[in-house]
């Protein structure tokens, strides 16, 4: 795998008309960064919220977490209401983290500012909403790589199949469950994990 990555990187540099003075150093740096990403644990992540402030996931140590990829123009968008209810009723036991993404049907076309306004004015959202990211495909955010790659999380290869898929991370930072969009935030399958 390392040799393949090194060959691809070197070939790309030649195709772009660039020569590398020390390709072995660049390749080593690239591989080191890739390995560090592969070794990431849930509490190592730092992402910007919808306002551009960095959120260090280490603050969720000892707490259950439900991560949801969200969109403003989806048939499942009313689940925001249930997510807010879950947050209001069980916020002391579980953190709800929402990740706007435009990966499915172009159903999250807005800017971060527009998404924030939509969430606040339509659903009174007070749980953390993060800046828009990609949750699937070649530009998938590292957090969602961790959530959907068994080599990183230990067991799960299921990536989001549509908006409002849910990943449950336990108090120890371990990915424990995946729920498709059809499972609502107040479903007994989720509530049973909280109590």
Protein backbone atom coordinates (compact mmCIF):
# COMPACT_ATOMS: atom_id res chain seq x y z
CA UNK A 1 0.00 0.00 0.00
CA UNK A 2 2.80 2.40 0.92
CA UNK A 3 4.60 1.64 -2.35
CA UNK A 4 1.42 2.24 -4.33
CA UNK A 5 0.84 5.61 -2.65
CA UNK A 6 4.46 6.60 -3.29
CA UNK A 7 4.21 5.63 -6.97
CA UNK A 8 0.93 7.53 -7.39
CA UNK A 9 2.35 10.64 -5.75
CA UNK A 10 5.52 10.54 -7.85
CA UNK A 11 3.55 9.87 -11.07
CA UNK A 12 1.24 12.79 -10.32
CA UNK A 13 4.20 15.11 -9.84
CA UNK A 14 5.63 14.06 -13.23
CA UNK A 15 2.25 14.46 -14.97
CA UNK A 16 1.97 17.97 -13.55
CA UNK A 17 5.40 18.84 -14.95
CA UNK A 18 6.99 19.13 -11.53
CA UNK A 19 10.12 17.43 -10.40
CA UNK A 20 10.68 16.56 -6.80
CA UNK A 21 14.06 17.19 -5.30
CA UNK A 22 13.49 14.63 -2.59
CA UNK A 23 10.50 12.46 -3.55
CA UNK A 24 11.30 9.96 -0.80
CA UNK A 25 10.91 12.69 1.87
CA UNK A 26 7.66 13.96 0.37
CA UNK A 27 6.36 10.42 0.10
CA UNK A 28 7.34 9.72 3.71
CA UNK A 29 5.59 12.89 4.90
CA UNK A 30 2.47 12.01 2.90
CA UNK A 31 2.42 8.47 4.27
CA UNK A 32 2.97 9.70 7.83
CA UNK A 33 0.01 12.10 7.60
CA UNK A 34 -2.14 9.36 6.10
CA UNK A 35 -1.17 6.92 8.85
CA UNK A 36 -1.91 9.53 11.53
CA UNK A 37 -5.36 10.05 10.05
CA UNK A 38 -5.91 6.28 9.96
CA UNK A 39 -4.95 6.08 13.64
CA UNK A 40 -7.41 8.81 14.64
CA UNK A 41 -9.70 8.14 17.54
CA UNK A 42 -13.04 9.85 18.08
CA UNK A 43 -11.68 12.20 20.75
CA UNK A 44 -8.84 13.35 18.45
CA UNK A 45 -11.17 15.18 16.07
CA UNK A 46 -11.50 18.96 15.99
CA UNK A 47 -14.13 20.50 13.71
CA UNK A 48 -15.52 23.97 13.23
CA UNK A 49 -19.08 24.63 14.25
CA UNK A 50 -21.56 26.54 12.10
CA UNK A 51 -20.12 29.83 13.44
CA UNK A 52 -16.53 28.87 12.59
CA UNK A 53 -15.44 28.12 16.17
CA UNK A 54 -13.29 25.03 16.66
CA UNK A 55 -14.85 22.25 18.71
CA UNK A 56 -12.45 19.77 20.31
CA UNK A 57 -14.13 16.37 20.53
CA UNK A 58 -12.17 15.55 23.69
CA UNK A 59 -14.89 17.54 25.50
CA UNK A 60 -17.26 14.63 24.83
CA UNK A 61 -15.22 12.13 26.87
CA UNK A 62 -17.50 10.20 29.19
CA UNK A 63 -20.64 11.24 27.27
CA UNK A 64 -22.78 9.40 24.74
CA UNK A 65 -22.87 11.07 21.30
CA UNK A 66 -25.28 10.88 18.37
CA UNK A 67 -23.86 12.18 15.07
CA UNK A 68 -26.31 12.99 12.28
CA UNK A 69 -25.73 14.17 8.70
CA UNK A 70 -28.47 16.71 8.08
CA UNK A 71 -30.03 18.66 5.20
CA UNK A 72 -32.58 21.47 4.97
CA UNK A 73 -34.56 20.31 1.92
CA UNK A 74 -35.05 16.61 2.62
CA UNK A 75 -38.13 14.54 3.37
CA UNK A 76 -36.41 13.65 6.65
CA UNK A 77 -35.76 17.31 7.58
CA UNK A 78 -38.61 17.30 10.15
CA UNK A 79 -36.36 15.01 12.22
CA UNK A 80 -34.67 18.24 13.36
CA UNK A 81 -37.68 18.64 15.67
CA UNK A 82 -37.14 15.20 17.20
CA UNK A 83 -33.39 15.85 17.52
CA UNK A 84 -34.16 19.06 19.41
CA UNK A 85 -36.59 17.19 21.67
CA UNK A 86 -33.95 14.53 22.30
CA UNK A 87 -31.47 17.28 23.16
CA UNK A 88 -33.90 19.03 25.53
CA UNK A 89 -34.96 15.85 27.32
CA UNK A 90 -31.66 13.97 27.43
CA UNK A 91 -28.95 16.58 26.77
CA UNK A 92 -27.32 15.76 30.09
CA UNK A 93 -26.82 12.15 28.94
CA UNK A 94 -26.19 12.43 25.19
CA UNK A 95 -24.69 15.05 22.89
CA UNK A 96 -26.43 15.58 19.55
CA UNK A 97 -24.01 16.70 16.80
CA UNK A 98 -25.40 17.72 13.40
CA UNK A 99 -23.32 17.84 10.21
CA UNK A 100 -24.94 19.57 7.25
CA UNK A 101 -23.98 17.89 3.99
CA UNK A 102 -25.00 18.35 0.36
CA UNK A 103 -24.18 14.79 -0.71
CA UNK A 104 -27.70 13.53 -1.36
CA UNK A 105 -29.92 15.08 -3.99
CA UNK A 106 -28.41 18.54 -3.53
CA UNK A 107 -30.69 18.95 -0.51
CA UNK A 108 -28.32 21.17 1.50
CA UNK A 109 -27.37 23.90 -1.00
CA UNK A 110 -27.17 26.80 1.48
CA UNK A 111 -24.23 28.52 3.11
CA UNK A 112 -23.40 27.96 6.77
CA UNK A 113 -25.19 31.21 7.62
CA UNK A 114 -28.32 30.12 5.72
CA UNK A 115 -28.25 26.68 7.37
CA UNK A 116 -27.98 28.24 10.83
CA UNK A 117 -30.89 30.59 10.13
CA UNK A 118 -32.99 27.69 8.82
CA UNK A 119 -32.31 25.49 11.86
CA UNK A 120 -32.95 28.27 14.35
CA UNK A 121 -36.06 29.81 12.81
CA UNK A 122 -37.79 26.57 11.80
CA UNK A 123 -36.86 24.17 14.59
CA UNK A 124 -35.35 26.24 17.42
CA UNK A 125 -32.19 24.13 17.28
CA UNK A 126 -29.88 24.61 20.26
CA UNK A 127 -27.70 21.49 19.91
CA UNK A 128 -24.34 21.84 18.09
CA UNK A 129 -24.53 22.20 14.32
CA UNK A 130 -21.22 22.12 12.46
CA UNK A 131 -20.05 23.75 9.26
CA UNK A 132 -21.10 22.01 6.05
CA UNK A 133 -18.90 19.03 5.16
CA UNK A 134 -18.94 16.07 2.80
CA UNK A 135 -19.98 12.76 4.37
CA UNK A 136 -19.53 10.56 1.30
CA UNK A 137 -17.34 10.30 -1.78
CA UNK A 138 -13.79 11.33 -2.66
CA UNK A 139 -13.91 14.42 -0.44
CA UNK A 140 -15.43 12.68 2.58
CA UNK A 141 -14.44 14.43 5.80
CA UNK A 142 -11.98 12.44 8.00
CA UNK A 143 -14.62 12.19 10.76
CA UNK A 144 -16.95 10.39 8.38
CA UNK A 145 -14.07 8.26 7.13
CA UNK A 146 -13.59 7.16 10.74
CA UNK A 147 -17.32 6.51 11.17
CA UNK A 148 -17.62 4.43 7.99
CA UNK A 149 -14.36 2.48 7.74
CA UNK A 150 -13.90 -0.61 9.88
CA UNK A 151 -10.13 -0.20 9.72
CA UNK A 152 -10.56 3.05 11.62
CA UNK A 153 -13.56 2.42 13.90
CA UNK A 154 -13.14 -1.32 14.45
CA UNK A 155 -16.28 -2.77 12.86
CA UNK A 156 -18.45 -0.54 10.67
CA UNK A 157 -18.23 0.03 6.90
CA UNK A 158 -21.69 1.60 6.54
CA UNK A 159 -21.48 5.15 5.24
CA UNK A 160 -24.54 7.40 5.14
CA UNK A 161 -27.04 6.16 2.57
CA UNK A 162 -29.05 9.41 2.69
CA UNK A 163 -29.58 12.48 4.87
CA UNK A 164 -30.28 11.96 8.59
CA UNK A 165 -28.33 8.74 9.08
CA UNK A 166 -27.18 8.40 12.68
CA UNK A 167 -24.03 7.09 14.34
CA UNK A 168 -24.00 6.37 18.06
CA UNK A 169 -20.69 6.67 19.92
CA UNK A 170 -20.60 5.42 23.52
CA UNK A 171 -19.04 7.05 26.60
CA UNK A 172 -15.65 5.53 25.77
CA UNK A 173 -15.47 7.07 22.30
CA UNK A 174 -16.29 3.78 20.57
CA UNK A 175 -18.63 3.62 17.61
CA UNK A 176 -21.40 1.29 18.71
CA UNK A 177 -24.37 1.64 16.35
CA UNK A 178 -25.45 2.89 12.93
CA UNK A 179 -29.05 3.88 12.22
CA UNK A 180 -30.46 4.62 8.75
CA UNK A 181 -32.53 7.73 8.04
CA UNK A 182 -35.79 5.89 8.66
CA UNK A 183 -34.95 5.43 12.36
CA UNK A 184 -36.15 8.61 14.04
CA UNK A 185 -34.19 10.24 16.89
CA UNK A 186 -36.95 9.28 19.37
CA UNK A 187 -37.12 5.65 18.25
CA UNK A 188 -36.90 3.13 21.09
CA UNK A 189 -33.72 1.72 19.52
CA UNK A 190 -32.00 5.07 20.25
CA UNK A 191 -33.77 5.90 23.53
CA UNK A 192 -32.78 2.50 24.95
CA UNK A 193 -29.10 3.44 24.52
CA UNK A 194 -29.49 6.61 26.56
CA UNK A 195 -31.08 5.34 29.77
